[in-house]
Amino acid sequence: MIVVAVRDLLFRSKITSAAERLAVPIVLVPRDRPLADVVREAPGASVLADLNQPGLVSELAALKRDTGARVVGFLGHLQADLIEAAEEAGVDEVLTRGQLTGRLDEVLRRG
């Protein structure tokens, strides 16, 4: 199972469609719920997250510390400061949106 923390509706749709096609179970994080709560309800789940969401990198650091969940993060374009912050937070893999789009099936299958 993959917990998906993405607010961009177009990208959420792209991820949802690919997951359905690949029969990979996902859970979309509602806007009004903390990511950590959703992950705790899905033990063993990995996380796919849009790193450009305000405050999300800090939330991911706490999540990694508390659950050890595998996290793949992506961002709109190469942002050195954000990439560094994500890596310091323990994000396992950081991709650009373009890289994620090109490797979406692989990322979803790997979980």
N, C-alpha and C. Protein backbone atom coordinates (compact mmCIF):
# COMPACT_ATOMS: atom_id res chain seq x y z
N MET A 1 0.85 -1.18 0.00
CA MET A 1 0.00 0.00 0.00
C MET A 1 0.89 1.24 0.00
N ILE A 2 0.44 2.25 -0.72
CA ILE A 2 1.16 3.52 -0.79
C ILE A 2 0.22 4.64 -0.35
N VAL A 3 0.68 5.44 0.59
CA VAL A 3 -0.05 6.62 1.02
C VAL A 3 0.44 7.78 0.16
N VAL A 4 -0.49 8.44 -0.52
CA VAL A 4 -0.14 9.49 -1.48
C VAL A 4 -0.54 10.86 -0.91
N ALA A 5 0.48 11.70 -0.69
CA ALA A 5 0.26 13.06 -0.18
C ALA A 5 0.54 14.04 -1.31
N VAL A 6 -0.48 14.27 -2.13
CA VAL A 6 -0.36 15.13 -3.30
C VAL A 6 -1.64 15.95 -3.40
N ARG A 7 -1.50 17.27 -3.44
CA ARG A 7 -2.69 18.14 -3.53
C ARG A 7 -3.04 18.51 -4.96
N ASP A 8 -2.06 18.53 -5.85
CA ASP A 8 -2.29 18.88 -7.24
C ASP A 8 -3.25 17.87 -7.86
N LEU A 9 -4.43 18.32 -8.25
CA LEU A 9 -5.47 17.41 -8.73
C LEU A 9 -5.06 16.66 -10.00
N LEU A 10 -4.36 17.31 -10.90
CA LEU A 10 -3.92 16.65 -12.11
C LEU A 10 -2.94 15.52 -11.79
N PHE A 11 -2.00 15.79 -10.89
CA PHE A 11 -1.03 14.77 -10.54
C PHE A 11 -1.67 13.65 -9.72
N ARG A 12 -2.61 14.00 -8.84
CA ARG A 12 -3.34 12.97 -8.08
C ARG A 12 -4.05 12.03 -9.05
N SER A 13 -4.66 12.60 -10.07
CA SER A 13 -5.38 11.80 -11.06
C SER A 13 -4.42 10.89 -11.81
N LYS A 14 -3.26 11.41 -12.19
CA LYS A 14 -2.26 10.63 -12.91
C LYS A 14 -1.79 9.44 -12.05
N ILE A 15 -1.53 9.70 -10.77
CA ILE A 15 -1.09 8.65 -9.85
C ILE A 15 -2.20 7.63 -9.62
N THR A 16 -3.41 8.10 -9.41
CA THR A 16 -4.54 7.21 -9.18
C THR A 16 -4.79 6.31 -10.38
N SER A 17 -4.75 6.88 -11.57
CA SER A 17 -4.97 6.08 -12.79
C SER A 17 -3.90 5.01 -12.96
N ALA A 18 -2.65 5.38 -12.73
CA ALA A 18 -1.55 4.41 -12.86
C ALA A 18 -1.68 3.31 -11.81
N ALA A 19 -2.03 3.68 -10.59
CA ALA A 19 -2.18 2.69 -9.52
C ALA A 19 -3.31 1.72 -9.84
N GLU A 20 -4.43 2.22 -10.36
CA GLU A 20 -5.54 1.35 -10.74
C GLU A 20 -5.12 0.40 -11.85
N ARG A 21 -4.43 0.92 -12.85
CA ARG A 21 -3.98 0.10 -13.98
C ARG A 21 -3.03 -1.00 -13.51
N LEU A 22 -2.19 -0.69 -12.53
CA LEU A 22 -1.21 -1.65 -12.03
C LEU A 22 -1.72 -2.49 -10.87
N ALA A 23 -2.94 -2.22 -10.41
CA ALA A 23 -3.54 -2.89 -9.26
C ALA A 23 -2.69 -2.71 -8.00
N VAL A 24 -2.18 -1.49 -7.82
CA VAL A 24 -1.41 -1.14 -6.63
C VAL A 24 -2.34 -0.35 -5.71
N PRO A 25 -2.55 -0.84 -4.49
CA PRO A 25 -3.45 -0.11 -3.59
C PRO A 25 -2.81 1.19 -3.09
N ILE A 26 -3.58 2.26 -3.14
CA ILE A 26 -3.12 3.55 -2.64
C ILE A 26 -4.20 4.14 -1.74
N VAL A 27 -3.76 5.06 -0.89
CA VAL A 27 -4.67 5.85 -0.07
C VAL A 27 -4.27 7.30 -0.26
N LEU A 28 -5.21 8.13 -0.66
CA LEU A 28 -4.95 9.55 -0.84
C LEU A 28 -5.16 10.27 0.49
N VAL A 29 -4.21 11.09 0.88
CA VAL A 29 -4.32 11.82 2.14
C VAL A 29 -5.30 12.97 1.96
N PRO A 30 -6.39 12.99 2.73
CA PRO A 30 -7.32 14.12 2.63
C PRO A 30 -6.65 15.41 3.11
N ARG A 31 -7.09 16.52 2.56
CA ARG A 31 -6.49 17.82 2.90
C ARG A 31 -6.60 18.13 4.39
N ASP A 32 -7.61 17.62 5.05
CA ASP A 32 -7.84 17.98 6.46
C ASP A 32 -7.24 16.99 7.46
N ARG A 33 -6.42 16.05 6.98
CA ARG A 33 -5.82 15.05 7.88
C ARG A 33 -4.30 15.10 7.79
N PRO A 34 -3.65 14.97 8.93
CA PRO A 34 -2.18 14.89 8.91
C PRO A 34 -1.72 13.59 8.25
N LEU A 35 -0.66 13.69 7.50
CA LEU A 35 -0.08 12.53 6.81
C LEU A 35 0.21 11.40 7.79
N ALA A 36 0.79 11.73 8.94
CA ALA A 36 1.17 10.70 9.92
C ALA A 36 -0.03 9.87 10.37
N ASP A 37 -1.18 10.50 10.54
CA ASP A 37 -2.38 9.76 10.95
C ASP A 37 -2.77 8.73 9.90
N VAL A 38 -2.70 9.12 8.65
CA VAL A 38 -3.08 8.21 7.57
C VAL A 38 -2.08 7.05 7.49
N VAL A 39 -0.79 7.34 7.65
CA VAL A 39 0.23 6.30 7.59
C VAL A 39 0.05 5.32 8.75
N ARG A 40 -0.25 5.83 9.93
CA ARG A 40 -0.45 4.95 11.09
C ARG A 40 -1.63 4.00 10.88
N GLU A 41 -2.62 4.42 10.10
CA GLU A 41 -3.78 3.58 9.82
C GLU A 41 -3.49 2.55 8.73
N ALA A 42 -2.34 2.64 8.10
CA ALA A 42 -1.94 1.72 7.03
C ALA A 42 -0.55 1.17 7.34
N PRO A 43 -0.43 0.34 8.38
CA PRO A 43 0.89 -0.16 8.77
C PRO A 43 1.62 -0.81 7.59
N GLY A 44 2.90 -0.52 7.49
CA GLY A 44 3.71 -1.08 6.42
C GLY A 44 3.63 -0.33 5.11
N ALA A 45 2.80 0.72 5.07
CA ALA A 45 2.65 1.49 3.83
C ALA A 45 3.89 2.34 3.58
N SER A 46 4.15 2.58 2.32
CA SER A 46 5.17 3.56 1.95
C SER A 46 4.45 4.86 1.60
N VAL A 47 5.22 5.91 1.35
CA VAL A 47 4.65 7.23 1.13
C VAL A 47 5.20 7.81 -0.17
N LEU A 48 4.31 8.40 -0.95
CA LEU A 48 4.66 9.18 -2.14
C LEU A 48 4.16 10.59 -1.87
N ALA A 49 5.08 11.57 -1.82
CA ALA A 49 4.69 12.90 -1.36
C ALA A 49 5.25 14.01 -2.24
N ASP A 50 4.43 15.03 -2.43
CA ASP A 50 4.83 16.25 -3.13
C ASP A 50 5.56 17.14 -2.13
N LEU A 51 6.86 17.28 -2.30
CA LEU A 51 7.68 18.02 -1.35
C LEU A 51 7.44 19.52 -1.37
N ASN A 52 6.74 20.02 -2.38
CA ASN A 52 6.46 21.45 -2.45
C ASN A 52 5.30 21.88 -1.55
N GLN A 53 4.66 20.95 -0.88
CA GLN A 53 3.59 21.30 0.05
C GLN A 53 4.21 21.95 1.28
N PRO A 54 3.73 23.11 1.67
CA PRO A 54 4.30 23.80 2.83
C PRO A 54 4.27 22.93 4.09
N GLY A 55 5.42 22.86 4.77
CA GLY A 55 5.51 22.12 6.02
C GLY A 55 5.64 20.62 5.90
N LEU A 56 5.55 20.10 4.69
CA LEU A 56 5.54 18.64 4.54
C LEU A 56 6.89 18.01 4.86
N VAL A 57 7.98 18.67 4.53
CA VAL A 57 9.29 18.08 4.81
C VAL A 57 9.47 17.86 6.31
N SER A 58 9.05 18.81 7.12
CA SER A 58 9.13 18.63 8.58
C SER A 58 8.25 17.47 9.03
N GLU A 59 7.08 17.39 8.45
CA GLU A 59 6.16 16.29 8.78
C GLU A 59 6.78 14.94 8.39
N LEU A 60 7.47 14.90 7.25
CA LEU A 60 8.11 13.67 6.82
C LEU A 60 9.25 13.27 7.75
N ALA A 61 9.99 14.24 8.28
CA ALA A 61 11.07 13.94 9.21
C ALA A 61 10.51 13.23 10.44
N ALA A 62 9.42 13.75 10.99
CA ALA A 62 8.80 13.12 12.16
C ALA A 62 8.24 11.75 11.80
N LEU A 63 7.66 11.63 10.63
CA LEU A 63 7.10 10.36 10.18
C LEU A 63 8.19 9.30 10.06
N LYS A 64 9.31 9.65 9.45
CA LYS A 64 10.43 8.72 9.31
C LYS A 64 10.92 8.28 10.68
N ARG A 65 11.04 9.24 11.58
CA ARG A 65 11.52 8.95 12.93
C ARG A 65 10.55 8.01 13.67
N ASP A 66 9.25 8.24 13.51
CA ASP A 66 8.25 7.48 14.24
C ASP A 66 7.91 6.13 13.62
N THR A 67 7.89 6.06 12.29
CA THR A 67 7.41 4.84 11.64
C THR A 67 8.45 4.13 10.78
N GLY A 68 9.45 4.87 10.32
CA GLY A 68 10.44 4.28 9.42
C GLY A 68 9.91 3.98 8.04
N ALA A 69 8.74 4.51 7.69
CA ALA A 69 8.14 4.25 6.38
C ALA A 69 9.06 4.70 5.25
N ARG A 70 9.04 3.95 4.16
CA ARG A 70 9.79 4.36 2.96
C ARG A 70 9.08 5.55 2.35
N VAL A 71 9.85 6.59 2.00
CA VAL A 71 9.27 7.81 1.45
C VAL A 71 9.95 8.16 0.14
N VAL A 72 9.13 8.35 -0.89
CA VAL A 72 9.59 8.89 -2.16
C VAL A 72 8.96 10.27 -2.26
N GLY A 73 9.79 11.28 -2.42
CA GLY A 73 9.30 12.64 -2.55
C GLY A 73 9.61 13.19 -3.92
N PHE A 74 8.78 14.11 -4.37
CA PHE A 74 9.04 14.74 -5.66
C PHE A 74 8.78 16.23 -5.56
N LEU A 75 9.38 16.97 -6.48
CA LEU A 75 9.22 18.42 -6.49
C LEU A 75 9.12 18.93 -7.91
N GLY A 76 8.65 20.16 -8.05
CA GLY A 76 8.38 20.73 -9.36
C GLY A 76 9.57 20.85 -10.27
N HIS A 77 10.69 21.20 -9.75
CA HIS A 77 11.93 21.30 -10.52
C HIS A 77 13.08 21.24 -9.53
N LEU A 78 14.29 21.22 -10.03
CA LEU A 78 15.42 21.09 -9.13
C LEU A 78 15.52 22.29 -8.20
N GLN A 79 15.33 22.03 -6.93
CA GLN A 79 15.43 23.05 -5.89
C GLN A 79 16.43 22.53 -4.87
N ALA A 80 17.67 22.96 -4.98
CA ALA A 80 18.75 22.41 -4.16
C ALA A 80 18.45 22.45 -2.67
N ASP A 81 17.90 23.57 -2.17
CA ASP A 81 17.62 23.68 -0.74
C ASP A 81 16.56 22.67 -0.30
N LEU A 82 15.53 22.52 -1.11
CA LEU A 82 14.46 21.59 -0.77
C LEU A 82 14.94 20.14 -0.86
N ILE A 83 15.76 19.84 -1.84
CA ILE A 83 16.32 18.50 -1.96
C ILE A 83 17.16 18.19 -0.73
N GLU A 84 18.00 19.13 -0.33
CA GLU A 84 18.85 18.93 0.85
C GLU A 84 18.00 18.74 2.11
N ALA A 85 16.97 19.56 2.28
CA ALA A 85 16.09 19.44 3.44
C ALA A 85 15.39 18.08 3.46
N ALA A 86 14.95 17.62 2.30
CA ALA A 86 14.27 16.33 2.21
C ALA A 86 15.22 15.19 2.57
N GLU A 87 16.43 15.26 2.06
CA GLU A 87 17.41 14.22 2.38
C GLU A 87 17.75 14.22 3.86
N GLU A 88 17.88 15.41 4.46
CA GLU A 88 18.12 15.50 5.90
C GLU A 88 16.94 14.97 6.70
N ALA A 89 15.74 15.09 6.16
CA ALA A 89 14.54 14.59 6.83
C ALA A 89 14.41 13.07 6.71
N GLY A 90 15.25 12.47 5.88
CA GLY A 90 15.22 11.02 5.74
C GLY A 90 14.43 10.51 4.55
N VAL A 91 14.02 11.41 3.65
CA VAL A 91 13.32 10.97 2.45
C VAL A 91 14.24 10.03 1.68
N ASP A 92 13.72 8.86 1.34
CA ASP A 92 14.55 7.81 0.73
C ASP A 92 14.95 8.11 -0.71
N GLU A 93 14.05 8.76 -1.44
CA GLU A 93 14.33 9.05 -2.85
C GLU A 93 13.65 10.37 -3.21
N VAL A 94 14.39 11.27 -3.84
CA VAL A 94 13.85 12.56 -4.27
C VAL A 94 13.92 12.63 -5.79
N LEU A 95 12.77 12.90 -6.40
CA LEU A 95 12.66 12.96 -7.86
C LEU A 95 12.04 14.29 -8.27
N THR A 96 12.32 14.73 -9.49
CA THR A 96 11.57 15.84 -10.05
C THR A 96 10.24 15.29 -10.54
N ARG A 97 9.29 16.17 -10.81
CA ARG A 97 8.01 15.71 -11.36
C ARG A 97 8.21 14.95 -12.66
N GLY A 98 9.11 15.46 -13.49
CA GLY A 98 9.39 14.79 -14.77
C GLY A 98 9.94 13.40 -14.56
N GLN A 99 10.86 13.25 -13.61
CA GLN A 99 11.41 11.93 -13.32
C GLN A 99 10.32 11.00 -12.80
N LEU A 100 9.47 11.52 -11.92
CA LEU A 100 8.39 10.69 -11.39
C LEU A 100 7.44 10.27 -12.51
N THR A 101 7.10 11.19 -13.37
CA THR A 101 6.21 10.87 -14.48
C THR A 101 6.80 9.75 -15.34
N GLY A 102 8.08 9.85 -15.63
CA GLY A 102 8.74 8.83 -16.46
C GLY A 102 8.90 7.50 -15.77
N ARG A 103 8.93 7.51 -14.44
CA ARG A 103 9.16 6.27 -13.69
C ARG A 103 7.99 5.91 -12.79
N LEU A 104 6.82 6.49 -13.03
CA LEU A 104 5.69 6.30 -12.13
C LEU A 104 5.34 4.84 -11.91
N ASP A 105 5.27 4.06 -12.99
CA ASP A 105 4.93 2.64 -12.84
C ASP A 105 5.93 1.94 -11.93
N GLU A 106 7.19 2.22 -12.14
CA GLU A 106 8.27 1.59 -11.33
C GLU A 106 8.13 2.00 -9.86
N VAL A 107 7.91 3.27 -9.61
CA VAL A 107 7.77 3.77 -8.22
C VAL A 107 6.57 3.12 -7.55
N LEU A 108 5.47 3.02 -8.26
CA LEU A 108 4.27 2.42 -7.66
C LEU A 108 4.46 0.93 -7.41
N ARG A 109 5.06 0.23 -8.34
CA ARG A 109 5.27 -1.22 -8.15
C ARG A 109 6.20 -1.49 -6.97
N ARG A 110 7.20 -0.65 -6.82
CA ARG A 110 8.19 -0.84 -5.76
C ARG A 110 7.60 -0.51 -4.39
N GLY A 111 6.63 0.40 -4.40
CA GLY A 111 5.98 0.76 -3.14
C GLY A 111 6.78 1.54 -2.20
